Amino acid sequence: MFLPVTLQLLAGFGESLKIFLLTLLFSLPLGLVICFGSMSRFSPLRKLTRCFVWVIRGTPLMLQLIIIFYGPGLIFGLPAMPRFTATIVAFAINYACYFSEIYRGGIESIPKGQYEAGQVLGMTKQQIFFRVVLLQVVKRIMAPMSNEIITLVKDTSLARIISVYEIIWAGESFIKKGLIWPLFYTGAFYLVFNGLLTVLFGKLEEKLNYFRG
């Protein structure tokens, strides 16, 4: 019985992994766009962006999933979005907002003197950002980013709220057969994957230790 359970949980974990990877693929660059919006000198854009981030960060991801999946049909009479697509949209927007605040904190933590030094050397704003600021920002945001990414691994289980198959659903399906241990077994998949991520981020932080600031 152990092998069939493991195979079914692996299939569920494969779906969870898809949600995880696609969320990162879209939310990491989107977070940077939102970050620049929240730092814009154009006041209406800055205020609108920060209000949007406040709403997303202040409401549960579960609620956002439900609204994005059911909202277009119930409010505007539009065709329902595919469940998996709705999941990725909700997760990407949610995590992009969290990442944007981490990006913003990292960028604003760089002393203004470094920007001024780059200008004295005749560098453009783009050159200063990519050659002087960016790697220092990466070093400073690595710890909070790793925490959010590890949280994302666990949050993939929320996809079952709109009936998207993932590992918790796979484990829970065995309860109908009178088996509870497969549900606890799902925890091993999360622990192993998060353990690997923790080691990976630890290695990355070591490689970035030459930036002291």
N, C-alpha and C. Protein backbone atom coordinates (compact mmCIF):
# COMPACT_ATOMS: atom_id res chain seq x y z
N MET A 1 0.82 -1.21 0.00
CA MET A 1 0.00 0.00 0.00
C MET A 1 0.86 1.26 0.00
N PHE A 2 2.07 1.15 0.55
CA PHE A 2 2.93 2.33 0.66
C PHE A 2 3.31 2.89 -0.71
N LEU A 3 3.64 2.00 -1.66
CA LEU A 3 4.06 2.45 -2.98
C LEU A 3 2.94 3.16 -3.74
N PRO A 4 1.71 2.58 -3.81
CA PRO A 4 0.62 3.30 -4.50
C PRO A 4 0.32 4.67 -3.87
N VAL A 5 0.38 4.74 -2.53
CA VAL A 5 0.14 6.02 -1.86
C VAL A 5 1.22 7.02 -2.25
N THR A 6 2.47 6.57 -2.24
CA THR A 6 3.58 7.46 -2.59
C THR A 6 3.45 7.98 -4.01
N LEU A 7 3.07 7.10 -4.93
CA LEU A 7 2.93 7.50 -6.33
C LEU A 7 1.81 8.53 -6.49
N GLN A 8 0.70 8.32 -5.77
CA GLN A 8 -0.40 9.27 -5.87
C GLN A 8 -0.02 10.61 -5.24
N LEU A 9 0.70 10.57 -4.14
CA LEU A 9 1.14 11.82 -3.52
C LEU A 9 2.16 12.54 -4.39
N LEU A 10 3.01 11.78 -5.06
CA LEU A 10 3.97 12.40 -5.98
C LEU A 10 3.26 13.13 -7.12
N ALA A 11 2.15 12.52 -7.60
CA ALA A 11 1.37 13.18 -8.65
C ALA A 11 0.78 14.49 -8.13
N GLY A 12 0.26 14.44 -6.90
CA GLY A 12 -0.28 15.66 -6.29
C GLY A 12 0.81 16.69 -6.05
N PHE A 13 1.99 16.22 -5.62
CA PHE A 13 3.09 17.15 -5.37
C PHE A 13 3.57 17.78 -6.68
N GLY A 14 3.47 17.03 -7.78
CA GLY A 14 3.83 17.58 -9.08
C GLY A 14 2.97 18.78 -9.43
N GLU A 15 1.67 18.71 -9.10
CA GLU A 15 0.78 19.84 -9.34
C GLU A 15 1.12 21.01 -8.42
N SER A 16 1.43 20.69 -7.17
CA SER A 16 1.84 21.74 -6.23
C SER A 16 3.11 22.43 -6.72
N LEU A 17 4.02 21.64 -7.27
CA LEU A 17 5.28 22.19 -7.77
C LEU A 17 5.03 23.11 -8.97
N LYS A 18 4.07 22.74 -9.82
CA LYS A 18 3.72 23.60 -10.95
C LYS A 18 3.21 24.95 -10.47
N ILE A 19 2.34 24.93 -9.46
CA ILE A 19 1.82 26.17 -8.90
C ILE A 19 2.96 27.01 -8.34
N PHE A 20 3.87 26.37 -7.63
CA PHE A 20 5.01 27.05 -7.01
C PHE A 20 5.89 27.72 -8.08
N LEU A 21 6.27 26.96 -9.10
CA LEU A 21 7.20 27.47 -10.10
C LEU A 21 6.56 28.56 -10.96
N LEU A 22 5.31 28.36 -11.37
CA LEU A 22 4.64 29.37 -12.19
C LEU A 22 4.38 30.65 -11.41
N THR A 23 4.08 30.51 -10.12
CA THR A 23 3.89 31.70 -9.28
C THR A 23 5.17 32.52 -9.22
N LEU A 24 6.30 31.85 -9.00
CA LEU A 24 7.58 32.56 -8.97
C LEU A 24 7.90 33.19 -10.32
N LEU A 25 7.63 32.45 -11.39
CA LEU A 25 7.93 32.94 -12.74
C LEU A 25 7.25 34.28 -13.01
N PHE A 26 6.01 34.41 -12.56
CA PHE A 26 5.25 35.63 -12.83
C PHE A 26 5.38 36.67 -11.72
N SER A 27 5.45 36.24 -10.48
CA SER A 27 5.42 37.20 -9.37
C SER A 27 6.74 37.92 -9.15
N LEU A 28 7.87 37.29 -9.43
CA LEU A 28 9.16 37.95 -9.22
C LEU A 28 9.32 39.19 -10.11
N PRO A 29 9.11 39.09 -11.43
CA PRO A 29 9.21 40.31 -12.24
C PRO A 29 8.05 41.28 -12.00
N LEU A 30 6.84 40.74 -11.78
CA LEU A 30 5.70 41.62 -11.51
C LEU A 30 5.91 42.41 -10.23
N GLY A 31 6.52 41.79 -9.24
CA GLY A 31 6.81 42.47 -7.98
C GLY A 31 7.73 43.66 -8.20
N LEU A 32 8.68 43.52 -9.12
CA LEU A 32 9.60 44.62 -9.40
C LEU A 32 8.86 45.78 -10.07
N VAL A 33 7.93 45.45 -10.97
CA VAL A 33 7.13 46.48 -11.62
C VAL A 33 6.28 47.23 -10.58
N ILE A 34 5.66 46.48 -9.69
CA ILE A 34 4.84 47.10 -8.64
C ILE A 34 5.72 47.94 -7.71
N CYS A 35 6.92 47.45 -7.44
CA CYS A 35 7.86 48.20 -6.60
C CYS A 35 8.18 49.56 -7.21
N PHE A 36 8.47 49.58 -8.51
CA PHE A 36 8.78 50.84 -9.17
C PHE A 36 7.57 51.77 -9.16
N GLY A 37 6.37 51.18 -9.27
CA GLY A 37 5.16 51.98 -9.19
C GLY A 37 4.98 52.61 -7.83
N SER A 38 5.27 51.85 -6.78
CA SER A 38 5.12 52.37 -5.42
C SER A 38 6.20 53.37 -5.05
N MET A 39 7.28 53.43 -5.84
CA MET A 39 8.37 54.38 -5.61
C MET A 39 8.34 55.54 -6.61
N SER A 40 7.34 55.54 -7.48
CA SER A 40 7.26 56.56 -8.53
C SER A 40 7.15 57.97 -7.95
N ARG A 41 7.73 58.90 -8.67
CA ARG A 41 7.62 60.31 -8.27
C ARG A 41 6.26 60.89 -8.69
N PHE A 42 5.56 60.15 -9.55
CA PHE A 42 4.22 60.57 -9.98
C PHE A 42 3.23 60.17 -8.88
N SER A 43 2.79 61.14 -8.12
CA SER A 43 2.01 60.88 -6.91
C SER A 43 0.77 60.01 -7.11
N PRO A 44 -0.08 60.25 -8.12
CA PRO A 44 -1.27 59.40 -8.29
C PRO A 44 -0.92 57.93 -8.50
N LEU A 45 0.12 57.66 -9.30
CA LEU A 45 0.54 56.28 -9.54
C LEU A 45 1.08 55.66 -8.26
N ARG A 46 1.89 56.41 -7.53
CA ARG A 46 2.46 55.90 -6.28
C ARG A 46 1.37 55.57 -5.27
N LYS A 47 0.40 56.47 -5.11
CA LYS A 47 -0.67 56.25 -4.14
C LYS A 47 -1.57 55.08 -4.55
N LEU A 48 -1.88 55.00 -5.85
CA LEU A 48 -2.72 53.92 -6.35
C LEU A 48 -2.04 52.57 -6.15
N THR A 49 -0.75 52.52 -6.47
CA THR A 49 0.01 51.27 -6.33
C THR A 49 0.09 50.83 -4.87
N ARG A 50 0.38 51.78 -3.99
CA ARG A 50 0.49 51.43 -2.57
C ARG A 50 -0.86 51.02 -1.99
N CYS A 51 -1.94 51.62 -2.47
CA CYS A 51 -3.28 51.23 -2.03
C CYS A 51 -3.58 49.80 -2.47
N PHE A 52 -3.22 49.47 -3.71
CA PHE A 52 -3.43 48.12 -4.23
C PHE A 52 -2.64 47.10 -3.40
N VAL A 53 -1.39 47.42 -3.12
CA VAL A 53 -0.55 46.52 -2.31
C VAL A 53 -1.15 46.35 -0.91
N TRP A 54 -1.65 47.43 -0.35
CA TRP A 54 -2.26 47.38 0.99
C TRP A 54 -3.47 46.45 1.00
N VAL A 55 -4.30 46.54 -0.05
CA VAL A 55 -5.49 45.68 -0.13
C VAL A 55 -5.10 44.21 -0.26
N ILE A 56 -4.16 43.92 -1.13
CA ILE A 56 -3.75 42.53 -1.37
C ILE A 56 -3.08 41.94 -0.13
N ARG A 57 -2.20 42.71 0.49
CA ARG A 57 -1.51 42.21 1.68
C ARG A 57 -2.43 42.13 2.90
N GLY A 58 -3.51 42.91 2.88
CA GLY A 58 -4.40 42.97 4.04
C GLY A 58 -5.57 42.01 3.99
N THR A 59 -5.70 41.27 2.89
CA THR A 59 -6.79 40.30 2.77
C THR A 59 -6.22 38.90 2.55
N PRO A 60 -6.97 37.87 2.95
CA PRO A 60 -6.44 36.50 2.83
C PRO A 60 -6.30 36.05 1.37
N LEU A 61 -5.27 35.28 1.11
CA LEU A 61 -5.07 34.70 -0.22
C LEU A 61 -6.26 33.81 -0.59
N MET A 62 -6.83 33.13 0.39
CA MET A 62 -7.99 32.28 0.14
C MET A 62 -9.14 33.10 -0.45
N LEU A 63 -9.39 34.27 0.11
CA LEU A 63 -10.46 35.15 -0.40
C LEU A 63 -10.15 35.61 -1.80
N GLN A 64 -8.90 35.94 -2.06
CA GLN A 64 -8.50 36.39 -3.40
C GLN A 64 -8.69 35.29 -4.44
N LEU A 65 -8.39 34.06 -4.06
CA LEU A 65 -8.61 32.92 -4.95
C LEU A 65 -10.08 32.80 -5.33
N ILE A 66 -10.95 32.90 -4.34
CA ILE A 66 -12.39 32.77 -4.57
C ILE A 66 -12.90 33.89 -5.46
N ILE A 67 -12.46 35.12 -5.18
CA ILE A 67 -12.91 36.28 -5.96
C ILE A 67 -12.45 36.19 -7.41
N ILE A 68 -11.19 35.83 -7.62
CA ILE A 68 -10.65 35.76 -8.98
C ILE A 68 -11.30 34.64 -9.78
N PHE A 69 -11.63 33.53 -9.12
CA PHE A 69 -12.26 32.42 -9.85
C PHE A 69 -13.75 32.66 -10.11
N TYR A 70 -14.47 33.08 -9.07
CA TYR A 70 -15.92 33.24 -9.20
C TYR A 70 -16.35 34.65 -9.62
N GLY A 71 -15.53 35.66 -9.30
CA GLY A 71 -15.91 37.04 -9.51
C GLY A 71 -16.30 37.41 -10.93
N PRO A 72 -15.47 37.12 -11.94
CA PRO A 72 -15.82 37.53 -13.32
C PRO A 72 -17.18 37.01 -13.78
N GLY A 73 -17.50 35.78 -13.39
CA GLY A 73 -18.78 35.22 -13.81
C GLY A 73 -19.95 35.80 -13.05
N LEU A 74 -19.82 35.95 -11.74
CA LEU A 74 -20.92 36.43 -10.92
C LEU A 74 -21.15 37.94 -11.05
N ILE A 75 -20.07 38.69 -11.26
CA ILE A 75 -20.20 40.15 -11.32
C ILE A 75 -20.44 40.65 -12.75
N PHE A 76 -19.68 40.08 -13.70
CA PHE A 76 -19.75 40.60 -15.07
C PHE A 76 -20.39 39.62 -16.06
N GLY A 77 -20.73 38.42 -15.61
CA GLY A 77 -21.33 37.43 -16.49
C GLY A 77 -20.38 36.85 -17.51
N LEU A 78 -19.09 36.90 -17.21
CA LEU A 78 -18.08 36.38 -18.13
C LEU A 78 -17.90 34.88 -17.91
N PRO A 79 -17.34 34.19 -18.90
CA PRO A 79 -17.07 32.75 -18.73
C PRO A 79 -16.07 32.54 -17.59
N ALA A 80 -16.25 31.44 -16.89
CA ALA A 80 -15.36 31.14 -15.76
C ALA A 80 -13.94 30.88 -16.24
N MET A 81 -12.99 31.42 -15.53
CA MET A 81 -11.59 31.18 -15.82
C MET A 81 -11.24 29.74 -15.43
N PRO A 82 -10.39 29.04 -16.18
CA PRO A 82 -9.96 27.71 -15.75
C PRO A 82 -9.41 27.74 -14.33
N ARG A 83 -9.69 26.71 -13.56
CA ARG A 83 -9.34 26.71 -12.13
C ARG A 83 -7.83 26.88 -11.92
N PHE A 84 -7.04 26.17 -12.70
CA PHE A 84 -5.59 26.27 -12.52
C PHE A 84 -5.09 27.66 -12.89
N THR A 85 -5.64 28.23 -13.95
CA THR A 85 -5.26 29.58 -14.37
C THR A 85 -5.60 30.60 -13.29
N ALA A 86 -6.82 30.47 -12.72
CA ALA A 86 -7.24 31.38 -11.65
C ALA A 86 -6.30 31.27 -10.46
N THR A 87 -5.85 30.06 -10.17
CA THR A 87 -4.91 29.86 -9.06
C THR A 87 -3.61 30.60 -9.30
N ILE A 88 -3.06 30.48 -10.50
CA ILE A 88 -1.78 31.14 -10.81
C ILE A 88 -1.94 32.65 -10.78
N VAL A 89 -3.05 33.17 -11.31
CA VAL A 89 -3.29 34.61 -11.30
C VAL A 89 -3.35 35.13 -9.87
N ALA A 90 -4.12 34.45 -9.02
CA ALA A 90 -4.27 34.89 -7.63
C ALA A 90 -2.94 34.82 -6.88
N PHE A 91 -2.23 33.71 -7.03
CA PHE A 91 -0.95 33.55 -6.34
C PHE A 91 0.07 34.56 -6.84
N ALA A 92 0.13 34.77 -8.15
CA ALA A 92 1.12 35.69 -8.72
C ALA A 92 0.89 37.11 -8.23
N ILE A 93 -0.36 37.56 -8.22
CA ILE A 93 -0.67 38.91 -7.75
C ILE A 93 -0.36 39.05 -6.27
N ASN A 94 -0.77 38.06 -5.48
CA ASN A 94 -0.55 38.11 -4.04
C ASN A 94 0.94 38.18 -3.71
N TYR A 95 1.71 37.27 -4.27
CA TYR A 95 3.13 37.24 -3.93
C TYR A 95 3.90 38.38 -4.57
N ALA A 96 3.45 38.88 -5.71
CA ALA A 96 4.11 40.04 -6.32
C ALA A 96 4.03 41.24 -5.39
N CYS A 97 2.90 41.40 -4.71
CA CYS A 97 2.75 42.52 -3.78
C CYS A 97 3.69 42.39 -2.59
N TYR A 98 3.83 41.18 -2.07
CA TYR A 98 4.77 40.97 -0.96
C TYR A 98 6.21 41.18 -1.43
N PHE A 99 6.53 40.63 -2.59
CA PHE A 99 7.88 40.80 -3.12
C PHE A 99 8.19 42.28 -3.39
N SER A 100 7.19 43.03 -3.85
CA SER A 100 7.41 44.45 -4.16
C SER A 100 7.86 45.22 -2.93
N GLU A 101 7.28 44.90 -1.79
CA GLU A 101 7.66 45.58 -0.55
C GLU A 101 9.07 45.18 -0.11
N ILE A 102 9.44 43.95 -0.35
CA ILE A 102 10.79 43.50 -0.04
C ILE A 102 11.79 44.20 -0.95
N TYR A 103 11.46 44.27 -2.25
CA TYR A 103 12.32 44.98 -3.20
C TYR A 103 12.48 46.44 -2.77
N ARG A 104 11.37 47.07 -2.45
CA ARG A 104 11.39 48.49 -2.09
C ARG A 104 12.26 48.73 -0.86
N GLY A 105 12.11 47.86 0.14
CA GLY A 105 12.92 47.99 1.34
C GLY A 105 14.40 47.84 1.04
N GLY A 106 14.73 46.89 0.15
CA GLY A 106 16.13 46.68 -0.21
C GLY A 106 16.71 47.86 -0.96
N ILE A 107 15.96 48.39 -1.92
CA ILE A 107 16.44 49.53 -2.71
C ILE A 107 16.61 50.77 -1.85
N GLU A 108 15.64 51.03 -0.99
CA GLU A 108 15.69 52.23 -0.15
C GLU A 108 16.75 52.12 0.95
N SER A 109 17.24 50.91 1.22
CA SER A 109 18.26 50.74 2.26
C SER A 109 19.66 51.10 1.78
N ILE A 110 19.82 51.25 0.47
CA ILE A 110 21.15 51.59 -0.08
C ILE A 110 21.41 53.07 0.18
N PRO A 111 22.54 53.43 0.80
CA PRO A 111 22.84 54.83 1.10
C PRO A 111 22.83 55.70 -0.16
N LYS A 112 22.29 56.89 -0.04
CA LYS A 112 22.22 57.81 -1.18
C LYS A 112 23.60 58.19 -1.69
N GLY A 113 24.60 58.11 -0.79
CA GLY A 113 25.95 58.45 -1.18
C GLY A 113 26.47 57.59 -2.33
N GLN A 114 25.98 56.35 -2.42
CA GLN A 114 26.44 55.47 -3.50
C GLN A 114 25.87 55.92 -4.84
N TYR A 115 24.65 56.42 -4.84
CA TYR A 115 24.08 56.98 -6.07
C TYR A 115 24.87 58.22 -6.48
N GLU A 116 25.17 59.06 -5.49
CA GLU A 116 25.89 60.30 -5.78
C GLU A 116 27.30 60.01 -6.28
N ALA A 117 27.93 58.98 -5.71
CA ALA A 117 29.29 58.62 -6.16
C ALA A 117 29.26 58.15 -7.60
N GLY A 118 28.23 57.39 -7.97
CA GLY A 118 28.10 56.94 -9.35
C GLY A 118 27.90 58.09 -10.30
N GLN A 119 27.12 59.09 -9.89
CA GLN A 119 26.89 60.26 -10.72
C GLN A 119 28.18 61.05 -10.92
N VAL A 120 28.98 61.14 -9.85
CA VAL A 120 30.26 61.85 -9.95
C VAL A 120 31.17 61.16 -10.95
N LEU A 121 31.07 59.83 -11.02
CA LEU A 121 31.90 59.07 -11.97
C LEU A 121 31.35 59.10 -13.38
N GLY A 122 30.24 59.79 -13.57
CA GLY A 122 29.67 59.94 -14.91
C GLY A 122 28.77 58.80 -15.33
N MET A 123 28.30 57.99 -14.38
CA MET A 123 27.43 56.86 -14.71
C MET A 123 25.99 57.33 -14.84
N THR A 124 25.24 56.67 -15.73
CA THR A 124 23.83 56.97 -15.86
C THR A 124 23.06 56.31 -14.71
N LYS A 125 21.78 56.69 -14.56
CA LYS A 125 20.96 56.09 -13.50
C LYS A 125 20.84 54.58 -13.67
N GLN A 126 20.71 54.14 -14.93
CA GLN A 126 20.60 52.72 -15.20
C GLN A 126 21.89 51.99 -14.83
N GLN A 127 23.04 52.59 -15.18
CA GLN A 127 24.34 51.98 -14.85
C GLN A 127 24.54 51.91 -13.34
N ILE A 128 24.16 52.96 -12.64
CA ILE A 128 24.29 52.97 -11.17
C ILE A 128 23.44 51.86 -10.56
N PHE A 129 22.21 51.71 -11.07
CA PHE A 129 21.31 50.70 -10.50
C PHE A 129 21.84 49.29 -10.74
N PHE A 130 22.21 49.00 -11.99
CA PHE A 130 22.59 47.62 -12.32
C PHE A 130 24.02 47.27 -11.91
N ARG A 131 24.94 48.25 -11.91
CA ARG A 131 26.33 47.95 -11.60
C ARG A 131 26.71 48.18 -10.14
N VAL A 132 25.98 49.08 -9.47
CA VAL A 132 26.34 49.43 -8.10
C VAL A 132 25.31 48.94 -7.09
N VAL A 133 24.05 49.16 -7.39
CA VAL A 133 22.99 48.94 -6.41
C VAL A 133 22.44 47.52 -6.40
N LEU A 134 22.21 46.95 -7.59
CA LEU A 134 21.43 45.72 -7.71
C LEU A 134 21.95 44.57 -6.86
N LEU A 135 23.26 44.26 -6.97
CA LEU A 135 23.79 43.12 -6.23
C LEU A 135 23.73 43.33 -4.72
N GLN A 136 23.89 44.58 -4.30
CA GLN A 136 23.76 44.87 -2.87
C GLN A 136 22.32 44.66 -2.40
N VAL A 137 21.37 45.04 -3.26
CA VAL A 137 19.96 44.83 -2.94
C VAL A 137 19.66 43.34 -2.84
N VAL A 138 20.18 42.56 -3.78
CA VAL A 138 19.97 41.11 -3.77
C VAL A 138 20.46 40.51 -2.46
N LYS A 139 21.64 40.95 -2.01
CA LYS A 139 22.19 40.46 -0.75
C LYS A 139 21.27 40.80 0.42
N ARG A 140 20.75 42.00 0.44
CA ARG A 140 19.95 42.46 1.58
C ARG A 140 18.56 41.85 1.62
N ILE A 141 18.03 41.49 0.45
CA ILE A 141 16.66 40.96 0.44
C ILE A 141 16.63 39.43 0.43
N MET A 142 17.79 38.79 0.41
CA MET A 142 17.82 37.33 0.28
C MET A 142 17.06 36.63 1.41
N ALA A 143 17.27 37.06 2.66
CA ALA A 143 16.62 36.40 3.79
C ALA A 143 15.10 36.55 3.76
N PRO A 144 14.56 37.79 3.62
CA PRO A 144 13.10 37.90 3.56
C PRO A 144 12.50 37.24 2.32
N MET A 145 13.21 37.26 1.20
CA MET A 145 12.70 36.60 0.00
C MET A 145 12.63 35.09 0.21
N SER A 146 13.64 34.53 0.84
CA SER A 146 13.64 33.08 1.08
C SER A 146 12.49 32.69 2.00
N ASN A 147 12.19 33.53 2.97
CA ASN A 147 11.06 33.25 3.87
C ASN A 147 9.75 33.23 3.10
N GLU A 148 9.56 34.21 2.22
CA GLU A 148 8.32 34.28 1.43
C GLU A 148 8.21 33.09 0.48
N ILE A 149 9.32 32.70 -0.12
CA ILE A 149 9.30 31.59 -1.07
C ILE A 149 8.98 30.28 -0.36
N ILE A 150 9.53 30.10 0.83
CA ILE A 150 9.21 28.89 1.61
C ILE A 150 7.74 28.90 2.03
N THR A 151 7.23 30.08 2.37
CA THR A 151 5.80 30.19 2.69
C THR A 151 4.95 29.83 1.49
N LEU A 152 5.40 30.21 0.29
CA LEU A 152 4.68 29.89 -0.93
C LEU A 152 4.52 28.38 -1.10
N VAL A 153 5.55 27.63 -0.77
CA VAL A 153 5.47 26.16 -0.87
C VAL A 153 4.27 25.64 -0.10
N LYS A 154 4.09 26.14 1.11
CA LYS A 154 2.98 25.68 1.95
C LYS A 154 1.65 26.26 1.49
N ASP A 155 1.67 27.48 0.96
CA ASP A 155 0.43 28.12 0.52
C ASP A 155 -0.18 27.46 -0.72
N THR A 156 0.62 26.67 -1.45
CA THR A 156 0.06 25.99 -2.63
C THR A 156 -1.12 25.10 -2.25
N SER A 157 -1.17 24.68 -1.00
CA SER A 157 -2.28 23.83 -0.55
C SER A 157 -3.62 24.56 -0.59
N LEU A 158 -3.60 25.89 -0.62
CA LEU A 158 -4.85 26.66 -0.67
C LEU A 158 -5.57 26.51 -2.01
N ALA A 159 -4.86 26.00 -3.02
CA ALA A 159 -5.48 25.84 -4.34
C ALA A 159 -6.69 24.91 -4.29
N ARG A 160 -6.72 24.02 -3.32
CA ARG A 160 -7.84 23.09 -3.22
C ARG A 160 -9.15 23.80 -2.89
N ILE A 161 -9.07 25.06 -2.43
CA ILE A 161 -10.27 25.84 -2.14
C ILE A 161 -11.16 25.97 -3.38
N ILE A 162 -10.54 26.08 -4.55
CA ILE A 162 -11.31 26.15 -5.79
C ILE A 162 -11.16 24.85 -6.59
N SER A 163 -10.95 23.76 -5.86
CA SER A 163 -10.93 22.40 -6.44
C SER A 163 -9.80 22.18 -7.44
N VAL A 164 -8.63 22.70 -7.14
CA VAL A 164 -7.44 22.40 -7.93
C VAL A 164 -6.69 21.28 -7.23
N TYR A 165 -6.41 20.22 -7.94
CA TYR A 165 -5.77 19.04 -7.38
C TYR A 165 -4.33 19.35 -6.98
N GLU A 166 -3.97 19.04 -5.76
CA GLU A 166 -2.59 19.20 -5.28
C GLU A 166 -2.35 18.14 -4.20
N ILE A 167 -1.22 18.19 -3.53
CA ILE A 167 -0.81 17.08 -2.69
C ILE A 167 -1.71 16.87 -1.46
N ILE A 168 -2.21 17.93 -0.85
CA ILE A 168 -3.09 17.76 0.30
C ILE A 168 -4.39 17.07 -0.13
N TRP A 169 -4.91 17.46 -1.28
CA TRP A 169 -6.11 16.80 -1.82
C TRP A 169 -5.81 15.32 -2.03
N ALA A 170 -4.63 15.02 -2.60
CA ALA A 170 -4.25 13.63 -2.85
C ALA A 170 -4.21 12.84 -1.55
N GLY A 171 -3.62 13.44 -0.50
CA GLY A 171 -3.53 12.76 0.79
C GLY A 171 -4.88 12.60 1.45
N GLU A 172 -5.72 13.61 1.32
CA GLU A 172 -7.03 13.59 1.96
C GLU A 172 -7.96 12.57 1.32
N SER A 173 -7.72 12.28 0.04
CA SER A 173 -8.59 11.34 -0.67
C SER A 173 -8.55 9.94 -0.06
N PHE A 174 -7.49 9.63 0.65
CA PHE A 174 -7.36 8.30 1.25
C PHE A 174 -8.20 8.16 2.52
N ILE A 175 -8.66 9.27 3.05
CA ILE A 175 -9.51 9.20 4.26
C ILE A 175 -10.79 8.42 3.96
N LYS A 176 -11.31 8.57 2.74
CA LYS A 176 -12.51 7.84 2.35
C LYS A 176 -12.27 6.32 2.36
N LYS A 177 -11.01 5.93 2.24
CA LYS A 177 -10.66 4.50 2.26
C LYS A 177 -10.29 4.03 3.66
N GLY A 178 -10.48 4.92 4.62
CA GLY A 178 -10.18 4.57 6.01
C GLY A 178 -8.73 4.71 6.40
N LEU A 179 -7.96 5.48 5.61
CA LEU A 179 -6.54 5.67 5.89
C LEU A 179 -6.26 7.14 6.21
N ILE A 180 -5.65 7.40 7.35
CA ILE A 180 -5.31 8.78 7.73
C ILE A 180 -3.83 9.07 7.54
N TRP A 181 -2.99 8.01 7.58
CA TRP A 181 -1.55 8.24 7.55
C TRP A 181 -1.06 8.90 6.25
N PRO A 182 -1.69 8.67 5.07
CA PRO A 182 -1.21 9.38 3.88
C PRO A 182 -1.30 10.90 4.01
N LEU A 183 -2.29 11.38 4.77
CA LEU A 183 -2.41 12.83 4.96
C LEU A 183 -1.22 13.36 5.74
N PHE A 184 -0.81 12.61 6.79
CA PHE A 184 0.39 13.02 7.54
C PHE A 184 1.65 12.86 6.69
N TYR A 185 1.63 11.87 5.82
CA TYR A 185 2.77 11.60 4.94
C TYR A 185 3.05 12.78 4.02
N THR A 186 2.01 13.54 3.65
CA THR A 186 2.22 14.70 2.79
C THR A 186 3.20 15.70 3.42
N GLY A 187 3.21 15.73 4.76
CA GLY A 187 4.12 16.64 5.45
C GLY A 187 5.57 16.37 5.12
N ALA A 188 5.90 15.10 4.85
CA ALA A 188 7.29 14.74 4.52
C ALA A 188 7.72 15.41 3.22
N PHE A 189 6.80 15.51 2.26
CA PHE A 189 7.12 16.14 0.98
C PHE A 189 7.44 17.62 1.17
N TYR A 190 6.61 18.28 1.99
CA TYR A 190 6.86 19.70 2.28
C TYR A 190 8.18 19.89 3.01
N LEU A 191 8.44 19.03 3.99
CA LEU A 191 9.67 19.16 4.79
C LEU A 191 10.91 18.97 3.93
N VAL A 192 10.89 17.95 3.06
CA VAL A 192 12.05 17.69 2.22
C VAL A 192 12.29 18.84 1.24
N PHE A 193 11.20 19.29 0.59
CA PHE A 193 11.34 20.36 -0.39
C PHE A 193 11.79 21.66 0.26
N ASN A 194 11.18 22.00 1.39
CA ASN A 194 11.58 23.22 2.10
C ASN A 194 13.00 23.10 2.65
N GLY A 195 13.39 21.88 3.02
CA GLY A 195 14.77 21.67 3.47
C GLY A 195 15.76 21.95 2.35
N LEU A 196 15.43 21.49 1.15
CA LEU A 196 16.30 21.73 -0.01
C LEU A 196 16.38 23.23 -0.32
N LEU A 197 15.24 23.90 -0.24
CA LEU A 197 15.23 25.34 -0.49
C LEU A 197 16.06 26.09 0.56
N THR A 198 15.95 25.67 1.81
CA THR A 198 16.71 26.31 2.89
C THR A 198 18.21 26.18 2.64
N VAL A 199 18.65 24.98 2.23
CA VAL A 199 20.07 24.76 1.92
C VAL A 199 20.49 25.63 0.74
N LEU A 200 19.63 25.68 -0.30
CA LEU A 200 19.95 26.47 -1.49
C LEU A 200 20.11 27.95 -1.15
N PHE A 201 19.16 28.49 -0.39
CA PHE A 201 19.24 29.91 -0.03
C PHE A 201 20.43 30.17 0.89
N GLY A 202 20.76 29.21 1.74
CA GLY A 202 21.94 29.35 2.59
C GLY A 202 23.21 29.47 1.76
N LYS A 203 23.31 28.64 0.71
CA LYS A 203 24.46 28.70 -0.18
C LYS A 203 24.53 30.04 -0.91
N LEU A 204 23.37 30.51 -1.36
CA LEU A 204 23.35 31.79 -2.07
C LEU A 204 23.78 32.94 -1.16
N GLU A 205 23.33 32.91 0.10
CA GLU A 205 23.72 33.95 1.04
C GLU A 205 25.22 33.93 1.28
N GLU A 206 25.82 32.74 1.35
CA GLU A 206 27.27 32.62 1.53
C GLU A 206 28.01 33.25 0.35
N LYS A 207 27.50 33.00 -0.86
CA LYS A 207 28.17 33.54 -2.05
C LYS A 207 28.06 35.07 -2.13
N LEU A 208 27.03 35.62 -1.47
CA LEU A 208 26.83 37.07 -1.52
C LEU A 208 27.44 37.77 -0.31
N ASN A 209 28.16 37.05 0.52
CA ASN A 209 28.70 37.64 1.74
C ASN A 209 29.80 38.67 1.50
N TYR A 210 30.29 38.73 0.26
CA TYR A 210 31.33 39.74 0.00
C TYR A 210 30.76 41.14 -0.04
N PHE A 211 29.43 41.24 -0.04
CA PHE A 211 28.80 42.57 0.07
C PHE A 211 28.51 42.82 1.54
N ARG A 212 29.23 43.68 2.16
CA ARG A 212 29.02 44.04 3.57
C ARG A 212 28.41 45.42 3.62
N GLY A 213 27.27 45.55 4.27
CA GLY A 213 26.70 46.88 4.32
C GLY A 213 25.56 46.95 5.26
